[in-house]
Amino acid sequence: MLKWPSCLFCQESEEFTAENAKKTPVVILRSTVSGMSETALVRFVGRARRAAGLRGAVNVLITTSGELRSLNRRFRGKDQPTDVLSFPAPRHLPLSYAGDLAISADLAAQNGRKLGHSSAAEIKILVLHGVLHLAGYDHERDNGRMARKEERLRRQLRLPVGLIERNSQSAPRSKR
């Protein structure tokens, strides 16, 4: 099992304590996202968290593909960039803290352009996907449970096609 980054955000913000994690998520924008402010992202994280039934604050880091690659290598052993990483809170922390998300602004912009929607919409799709992982869903092992939940919440939150849905559409289909 991969060790959780005990304090992905602690060095970035004095705001992160168990007490104020209940109140407002910490959002760190190391990379700018066209059409998205920190305030808008904080609001959307709260909406996604509530829609997913996740208790506790979710902190979000928006950064470069290079940093996501480094985190992916360090915590998953995969030396490649990725669009979103989820870090559930360790069990010994209070229930008021659910975990952290790290998102690549570069890949969000690239995927948004490719799929015909904004970078801001793509960031929201990635936040929803990450929040579902923090809520305990795992699309690699749950026989479509996370995909169904993501699709339903994506529609509820008025988001374009979801991460799992579009990846399954682009996967080669076997002949019957």
Protein backbone atom coordinates (compact mmCIF):
# COMPACT_ATOMS: atom_id res chain seq x y z
CA MET A 1 0.00 0.00 0.00
CA LEU A 2 1.26 3.46 -0.88
CA LYS A 3 2.03 5.81 1.94
CA TRP A 4 -0.28 8.82 2.02
CA PRO A 5 1.54 12.15 1.69
CA SER A 6 1.10 13.14 5.30
CA CYS A 7 0.92 16.79 4.47
CA LEU A 8 0.60 17.54 0.77
CA PHE A 9 -0.58 21.06 1.56
CA CYS A 10 0.99 21.89 4.92
CA GLN A 11 4.00 23.67 3.47
CA GLU A 12 1.77 25.72 1.17
CA SER A 13 -0.70 27.03 3.70
CA GLU A 14 -0.85 27.85 7.35
CA GLU A 15 -4.63 27.37 7.02
CA PHE A 16 -4.50 23.58 7.20
CA THR A 17 -5.33 22.31 10.66
CA ALA A 18 -7.78 19.61 11.73
CA GLU A 19 -10.01 22.32 13.21
CA ASN A 20 -10.36 24.52 10.16
CA ALA A 21 -10.37 21.61 7.71
CA LYS A 22 -14.03 21.34 8.71
CA LYS A 23 -14.73 24.83 7.43
CA THR A 24 -13.14 25.46 4.05
CA PRO A 25 -10.97 23.37 1.78
CA VAL A 26 -7.52 24.61 0.96
CA VAL A 27 -7.22 25.31 -2.76
CA ILE A 28 -3.77 25.98 -4.17
CA LEU A 29 -3.58 27.29 -7.71
CA ARG A 30 0.04 26.85 -8.76
CA SER A 31 -1.17 26.95 -12.35
CA THR A 32 -3.91 29.22 -13.61
CA VAL A 33 -7.04 27.83 -15.19
CA SER A 34 -8.86 30.01 -17.68
CA GLY A 35 -12.36 30.78 -16.45
CA MET A 36 -11.90 29.47 -12.92
CA SER A 37 -11.22 31.42 -9.76
CA GLU A 38 -10.17 30.01 -6.42
CA THR A 39 -13.59 30.94 -5.01
CA ALA A 40 -15.43 29.14 -7.82
CA LEU A 41 -13.29 26.05 -7.32
CA VAL A 42 -13.91 26.03 -3.55
CA ARG A 43 -17.66 26.22 -4.21
CA PHE A 44 -17.56 23.42 -6.77
CA VAL A 45 -15.50 21.16 -4.50
CA GLY A 46 -18.20 21.59 -1.84
CA ARG A 47 -20.98 20.79 -4.32
CA ALA A 48 -19.17 17.70 -5.63
CA ARG A 49 -18.38 16.50 -2.11
CA ARG A 50 -22.00 16.86 -0.98
CA ALA A 51 -23.33 15.23 -4.17
CA ALA A 52 -21.02 12.25 -3.62
CA GLY A 53 -22.04 11.96 0.04
CA LEU A 54 -18.46 12.51 1.18
CA ARG A 55 -17.99 13.82 4.70
CA GLY A 56 -15.03 16.04 5.45
CA ALA A 57 -13.07 18.72 3.68
CA VAL A 58 -11.27 18.08 0.40
CA ASN A 59 -8.14 20.06 -0.39
CA VAL A 60 -7.15 20.66 -4.01
CA LEU A 61 -3.82 21.42 -5.66
CA ILE A 62 -3.93 22.64 -9.28
CA THR A 63 -0.44 22.38 -10.70
CA THR A 64 1.69 21.34 -13.68
CA SER A 65 1.95 17.99 -15.43
CA GLY A 66 5.54 17.83 -14.23
CA GLU A 67 4.47 17.95 -10.60
CA LEU A 68 1.70 15.38 -11.19
CA ARG A 69 4.27 13.12 -12.85
CA SER A 70 6.50 13.46 -9.79
CA LEU A 71 3.62 12.69 -7.41
CA ASN A 72 2.50 9.77 -9.59
CA ARG A 73 6.03 8.32 -9.56
CA ARG A 74 6.42 8.84 -5.82
CA PHE A 75 3.07 7.49 -4.66
CA ARG A 76 1.96 5.08 -7.41
CA GLY A 77 5.29 4.01 -8.90
CA LYS A 78 4.23 5.24 -12.37
CA ASP A 79 6.70 7.57 -14.08
CA GLN A 80 4.21 9.43 -16.24
CA PRO A 81 1.98 12.48 -15.90
CA THR A 82 -1.66 11.93 -15.01
CA ASP A 83 -4.64 14.24 -14.86
CA VAL A 84 -5.79 13.67 -11.25
CA LEU A 85 -4.49 11.95 -8.12
CA SER A 86 -6.53 11.31 -4.97
CA PHE A 87 -5.02 10.97 -1.51
CA PRO A 88 -7.57 9.77 1.07
CA ALA A 89 -6.99 10.97 4.62
CA PRO A 90 -5.40 8.45 6.96
CA ARG A 91 -7.91 6.78 9.25
CA HIS A 92 -6.42 8.35 12.38
CA LEU A 93 -7.34 11.88 11.25
CA PRO A 94 -10.71 13.39 12.18
CA LEU A 95 -13.73 12.69 9.96
CA SER A 96 -13.79 16.41 9.20
CA TYR A 97 -10.99 15.82 6.67
CA ALA A 98 -11.57 13.55 3.66
CA GLY A 99 -8.31 13.96 1.76
CA ASP A 100 -6.43 15.78 -1.00
CA LEU A 101 -6.65 15.99 -4.78
CA ALA A 102 -3.84 16.99 -7.12
CA ILE A 103 -4.86 18.01 -10.66
CA SER A 104 -2.81 18.85 -13.75
CA ALA A 105 -3.89 22.20 -15.23
CA ASP A 106 -1.88 21.36 -18.36
CA LEU A 107 -3.72 18.10 -19.04
CA ALA A 108 -7.06 19.67 -18.12
CA ALA A 109 -6.52 22.42 -20.73
CA GLN A 110 -5.35 19.88 -23.32
CA ASN A 111 -8.28 17.52 -22.72
CA GLY A 112 -10.79 20.36 -22.61
CA ARG A 113 -9.62 21.60 -26.02
CA LYS A 114 -9.65 18.08 -27.46
CA LEU A 115 -13.15 17.36 -26.14
CA GLY A 116 -14.65 20.76 -26.96
CA HIS A 117 -15.20 22.21 -23.50
CA SER A 118 -13.40 24.69 -21.26
CA SER A 119 -10.42 24.04 -19.01
CA ALA A 120 -12.63 25.04 -16.06
CA ALA A 121 -15.20 22.36 -17.00
CA GLU A 122 -12.41 19.78 -17.26
CA ILE A 123 -11.08 20.73 -13.82
CA LYS A 124 -14.59 20.17 -12.43
CA ILE A 125 -14.79 16.75 -14.11
CA LEU A 126 -11.45 15.83 -12.52
CA VAL A 127 -12.55 17.13 -9.11
CA LEU A 128 -15.70 14.98 -9.28
CA HIS A 129 -13.65 11.94 -10.30
CA GLY A 130 -11.18 12.52 -7.47
CA VAL A 131 -13.93 13.11 -4.89
CA LEU A 132 -15.50 9.78 -5.83
CA HIS A 133 -12.16 8.07 -5.21
CA LEU A 134 -11.96 9.79 -1.80
CA ALA A 135 -15.48 8.46 -1.11
CA GLY A 136 -14.15 4.93 -1.61
CA TYR A 137 -15.05 4.23 -5.24
CA ASP A 138 -12.50 2.46 -7.45
CA HIS A 139 -13.34 2.13 -11.16
CA GLU A 140 -10.59 -0.45 -11.63
CA ARG A 141 -12.22 -2.91 -9.24
CA ASP A 142 -15.91 -2.09 -8.72
CA ASN A 143 -17.62 -3.55 -11.84
CA GLY A 144 -18.89 -0.18 -13.06
CA ARG A 145 -20.26 1.15 -9.75
CA MET A 146 -18.07 4.27 -9.83
CA ALA A 147 -18.78 4.85 -13.54
CA ARG A 148 -22.53 4.80 -12.92
CA LYS A 149 -22.22 7.16 -9.95
CA GLU A 150 -19.91 9.51 -11.88
CA GLU A 151 -22.30 9.61 -14.84
CA ARG A 152 -25.30 10.38 -12.59
CA LEU A 153 -23.45 13.10 -10.66
CA ARG A 154 -21.97 14.56 -13.83
CA ARG A 155 -25.48 15.10 -15.16
CA GLN A 156 -26.69 16.45 -11.82
CA LEU A 157 -23.77 18.91 -11.70
CA ARG A 158 -24.23 19.76 -15.42
CA LEU A 159 -20.79 18.65 -16.52
CA PRO A 160 -19.68 17.38 -19.93
CA VAL A 161 -18.83 13.72 -20.48
CA GLY A 162 -17.07 12.16 -17.49
CA LEU A 163 -13.60 10.72 -17.22
CA ILE A 164 -14.56 7.04 -16.94
CA GLU A 165 -17.27 7.35 -19.59
CA ARG A 166 -15.01 8.90 -22.21
CA ASN A 167 -12.17 6.48 -21.48
CA SER A 168 -14.51 3.54 -21.94
CA GLN A 169 -15.83 5.05 -25.20
CA SER A 170 -12.29 5.34 -26.59
CA ALA A 171 -11.29 1.82 -25.52
CA PRO A 172 -11.28 -0.75 -28.30
CA ARG A 173 -14.36 -2.95 -28.16
CA SER A 174 -14.05 -6.69 -28.54
CA LYS A 175 -15.96 -8.44 -31.31
CA ARG A 176 -18.66 -10.85 -30.21
